[in-house]
Amino acid sequence: MAQFRIVYQDGSVAKNTKVQVSFNGGGMKTGFTDSRGDVTISGSSTYGKIFVRGREVHSGSLNIGEVKI
C-alpha cells in the first residue's frame, strides 16, 4: 500500500489531484488527493513509480511521507 502527501514546491498541498502509481511487478493504480493532499493507493509492492498529472515525480520506495511536485 502506498500512502503519501502531494505538495507543491512552495509547501501548499495539491488538492483533488490525479495520482497514478505503477507498482514493480506489474499493475497501475489511480487515486485522487483529498483536501489535505493525502492519497492512499493499495497495490502489490512497496516499490514503483509515482505519476502526478501524467508526469513521473518519484521512482523507488513508496514508503515515503511526501512528494514535491
N, C-alpha and C. Protein backbone atom coordinates (compact mmCIF):
# COMPACT_ATOMS: atom_id res chain seq x y z
N MET A 1 0.85 -1.18 0.00
CA MET A 1 0.00 0.00 0.00
C MET A 1 0.89 1.24 0.00
N ALA A 2 0.55 2.19 -0.81
CA ALA A 2 1.28 3.45 -0.90
C ALA A 2 0.42 4.55 -0.27
N GLN A 3 1.01 5.27 0.68
CA GLN A 3 0.30 6.37 1.33
C GLN A 3 1.27 7.53 1.48
N PHE A 4 0.92 8.69 0.93
CA PHE A 4 1.81 9.84 0.97
C PHE A 4 1.03 11.11 0.71
N ARG A 5 1.69 12.24 0.85
CA ARG A 5 1.09 13.56 0.63
C ARG A 5 1.77 14.20 -0.59
N ILE A 6 0.97 14.85 -1.41
CA ILE A 6 1.48 15.57 -2.58
C ILE A 6 1.48 17.06 -2.25
N VAL A 7 2.65 17.69 -2.35
CA VAL A 7 2.76 19.12 -2.07
C VAL A 7 3.48 19.82 -3.21
N TYR A 8 3.16 21.09 -3.38
CA TYR A 8 3.84 21.93 -4.36
C TYR A 8 5.17 22.40 -3.78
N GLN A 9 6.04 22.95 -4.62
CA GLN A 9 7.35 23.43 -4.18
C GLN A 9 7.25 24.48 -3.08
N ASP A 10 6.16 25.26 -3.08
CA ASP A 10 6.01 26.31 -2.06
C ASP A 10 5.46 25.77 -0.74
N GLY A 11 5.19 24.46 -0.66
CA GLY A 11 4.72 23.84 0.57
C GLY A 11 3.21 23.67 0.67
N SER A 12 2.45 24.28 -0.23
CA SER A 12 0.99 24.12 -0.20
C SER A 12 0.62 22.74 -0.74
N VAL A 13 -0.50 22.20 -0.28
CA VAL A 13 -0.91 20.86 -0.68
C VAL A 13 -1.64 20.87 -2.02
N ALA A 14 -1.52 19.77 -2.74
CA ALA A 14 -2.20 19.60 -4.02
C ALA A 14 -3.55 18.92 -3.76
N LYS A 15 -4.62 19.67 -3.85
CA LYS A 15 -5.96 19.15 -3.57
C LYS A 15 -6.60 18.59 -4.84
N ASN A 16 -7.33 17.48 -4.68
CA ASN A 16 -8.09 16.86 -5.78
C ASN A 16 -7.25 16.68 -7.04
N THR A 17 -6.05 16.16 -6.87
CA THR A 17 -5.11 15.96 -7.97
C THR A 17 -5.02 14.48 -8.30
N LYS A 18 -5.02 14.15 -9.60
CA LYS A 18 -4.93 12.76 -10.04
C LYS A 18 -3.51 12.24 -9.85
N VAL A 19 -3.41 11.09 -9.17
CA VAL A 19 -2.13 10.45 -8.89
C VAL A 19 -2.21 9.01 -9.38
N GLN A 20 -1.16 8.56 -10.08
CA GLN A 20 -1.09 7.18 -10.52
C GLN A 20 0.18 6.55 -9.96
N VAL A 21 0.09 5.29 -9.56
CA VAL A 21 1.25 4.56 -9.07
C VAL A 21 1.42 3.32 -9.93
N SER A 22 2.63 3.16 -10.48
CA SER A 22 2.99 1.96 -11.22
C SER A 22 3.83 1.10 -10.28
N PHE A 23 3.28 -0.04 -9.86
CA PHE A 23 3.96 -0.90 -8.90
C PHE A 23 4.94 -1.82 -9.62
N ASN A 24 6.13 -2.04 -9.02
CA ASN A 24 7.06 -3.03 -9.54
C ASN A 24 6.38 -4.39 -9.47
N GLY A 25 6.53 -5.18 -10.50
CA GLY A 25 5.85 -6.47 -10.55
C GLY A 25 4.54 -6.39 -11.32
N GLY A 26 4.21 -5.21 -11.81
CA GLY A 26 3.01 -5.05 -12.62
C GLY A 26 1.89 -4.33 -11.92
N GLY A 27 1.08 -3.71 -12.70
CA GLY A 27 -0.10 -3.04 -12.17
C GLY A 27 0.06 -1.54 -12.03
N MET A 28 -0.97 -0.83 -12.45
CA MET A 28 -1.02 0.63 -12.32
C MET A 28 -2.34 0.95 -11.65
N LYS A 29 -2.28 1.76 -10.60
CA LYS A 29 -3.49 2.16 -9.86
C LYS A 29 -3.59 3.68 -9.87
N THR A 30 -4.82 4.18 -9.81
CA THR A 30 -5.09 5.61 -9.84
C THR A 30 -5.85 6.02 -8.59
N GLY A 31 -5.54 7.21 -8.10
CA GLY A 31 -6.24 7.78 -6.96
C GLY A 31 -6.24 9.29 -7.05
N PHE A 32 -6.95 9.94 -6.15
CA PHE A 32 -7.00 11.41 -6.11
C PHE A 32 -6.67 11.88 -4.71
N THR A 33 -5.95 12.99 -4.61
CA THR A 33 -5.62 13.54 -3.30
C THR A 33 -6.87 14.12 -2.67
N ASP A 34 -6.89 14.11 -1.33
CA ASP A 34 -8.01 14.71 -0.61
C ASP A 34 -7.71 16.18 -0.33
N SER A 35 -8.49 16.81 0.52
CA SER A 35 -8.32 18.24 0.80
C SER A 35 -7.04 18.55 1.56
N ARG A 36 -6.39 17.53 2.12
CA ARG A 36 -5.11 17.72 2.82
C ARG A 36 -3.92 17.32 1.95
N GLY A 37 -4.19 16.90 0.72
CA GLY A 37 -3.13 16.48 -0.19
C GLY A 37 -2.72 15.03 -0.03
N ASP A 38 -3.42 14.27 0.83
CA ASP A 38 -3.08 12.87 1.08
C ASP A 38 -3.74 11.95 0.06
N VAL A 39 -3.04 10.87 -0.27
CA VAL A 39 -3.59 9.85 -1.16
C VAL A 39 -3.13 8.49 -0.65
N THR A 40 -4.01 7.50 -0.73
CA THR A 40 -3.69 6.12 -0.37
C THR A 40 -4.11 5.23 -1.53
N ILE A 41 -3.16 4.43 -2.00
CA ILE A 41 -3.42 3.53 -3.13
C ILE A 41 -2.91 2.15 -2.75
N SER A 42 -3.77 1.15 -2.82
CA SER A 42 -3.36 -0.21 -2.48
C SER A 42 -2.73 -0.88 -3.69
N GLY A 43 -1.74 -1.71 -3.42
CA GLY A 43 -1.07 -2.40 -4.50
C GLY A 43 -0.25 -3.56 -4.00
N SER A 44 0.47 -4.18 -4.92
CA SER A 44 1.16 -5.43 -4.62
C SER A 44 2.62 -5.26 -4.21
N SER A 45 3.14 -4.04 -4.20
CA SER A 45 4.55 -3.84 -3.94
C SER A 45 4.77 -2.53 -3.19
N THR A 46 5.93 -2.40 -2.56
CA THR A 46 6.28 -1.14 -1.90
C THR A 46 7.29 -0.35 -2.72
N TYR A 47 7.54 -0.79 -3.96
CA TYR A 47 8.43 -0.08 -4.87
C TYR A 47 7.70 0.19 -6.17
N GLY A 48 8.00 1.31 -6.79
CA GLY A 48 7.38 1.64 -8.06
C GLY A 48 7.63 3.08 -8.43
N LYS A 49 6.76 3.61 -9.28
CA LYS A 49 6.86 4.99 -9.75
C LYS A 49 5.57 5.73 -9.45
N ILE A 50 5.70 7.02 -9.13
CA ILE A 50 4.55 7.86 -8.86
C ILE A 50 4.44 8.89 -9.97
N PHE A 51 3.24 9.00 -10.54
CA PHE A 51 2.96 9.96 -11.59
C PHE A 51 1.88 10.92 -11.10
N VAL A 52 2.11 12.21 -11.28
CA VAL A 52 1.11 13.23 -10.95
C VAL A 52 0.80 13.99 -12.22
N ARG A 53 -0.49 13.98 -12.59
CA ARG A 53 -0.94 14.59 -13.85
C ARG A 53 -0.14 14.09 -15.05
N GLY A 54 0.18 12.79 -15.05
CA GLY A 54 0.87 12.17 -16.17
C GLY A 54 2.37 12.33 -16.19
N ARG A 55 2.96 13.02 -15.21
CA ARG A 55 4.41 13.25 -15.18
C ARG A 55 5.02 12.46 -14.03
N GLU A 56 6.12 11.75 -14.31
CA GLU A 56 6.79 10.98 -13.25
C GLU A 56 7.45 11.93 -12.26
N VAL A 57 7.12 11.76 -10.97
CA VAL A 57 7.67 12.64 -9.94
C VAL A 57 8.50 11.88 -8.91
N HIS A 58 8.42 10.55 -8.90
CA HIS A 58 9.19 9.76 -7.93
C HIS A 58 9.35 8.34 -8.45
N SER A 59 10.53 7.78 -8.21
CA SER A 59 10.78 6.39 -8.56
C SER A 59 11.56 5.75 -7.42
N GLY A 60 11.11 4.59 -6.97
CA GLY A 60 11.79 3.90 -5.87
C GLY A 60 10.80 3.44 -4.82
N SER A 61 11.23 3.52 -3.56
CA SER A 61 10.38 3.07 -2.46
C SER A 61 9.13 3.94 -2.36
N LEU A 62 8.00 3.30 -2.10
CA LEU A 62 6.74 4.01 -1.93
C LEU A 62 6.45 4.29 -0.46
N ASN A 63 7.38 3.93 0.41
CA ASN A 63 7.26 4.21 1.84
C ASN A 63 7.84 5.60 2.13
N ILE A 64 7.17 6.61 1.62
CA ILE A 64 7.62 7.99 1.77
C ILE A 64 6.47 8.80 2.35
N GLY A 65 6.78 9.91 2.95
CA GLY A 65 5.74 10.72 3.56
C GLY A 65 5.22 11.81 2.66
N GLU A 66 6.09 12.32 1.77
CA GLU A 66 5.71 13.49 1.00
C GLU A 66 6.40 13.47 -0.36
N VAL A 67 5.69 13.93 -1.38
CA VAL A 67 6.24 14.06 -2.73
C VAL A 67 6.04 15.50 -3.17
N LYS A 68 7.13 16.18 -3.54
CA LYS A 68 7.03 17.56 -4.04
C LYS A 68 6.91 17.55 -5.55
N ILE A 69 5.99 18.37 -6.04
CA ILE A 69 5.81 18.47 -7.50
C ILE A 69 6.11 19.88 -7.96
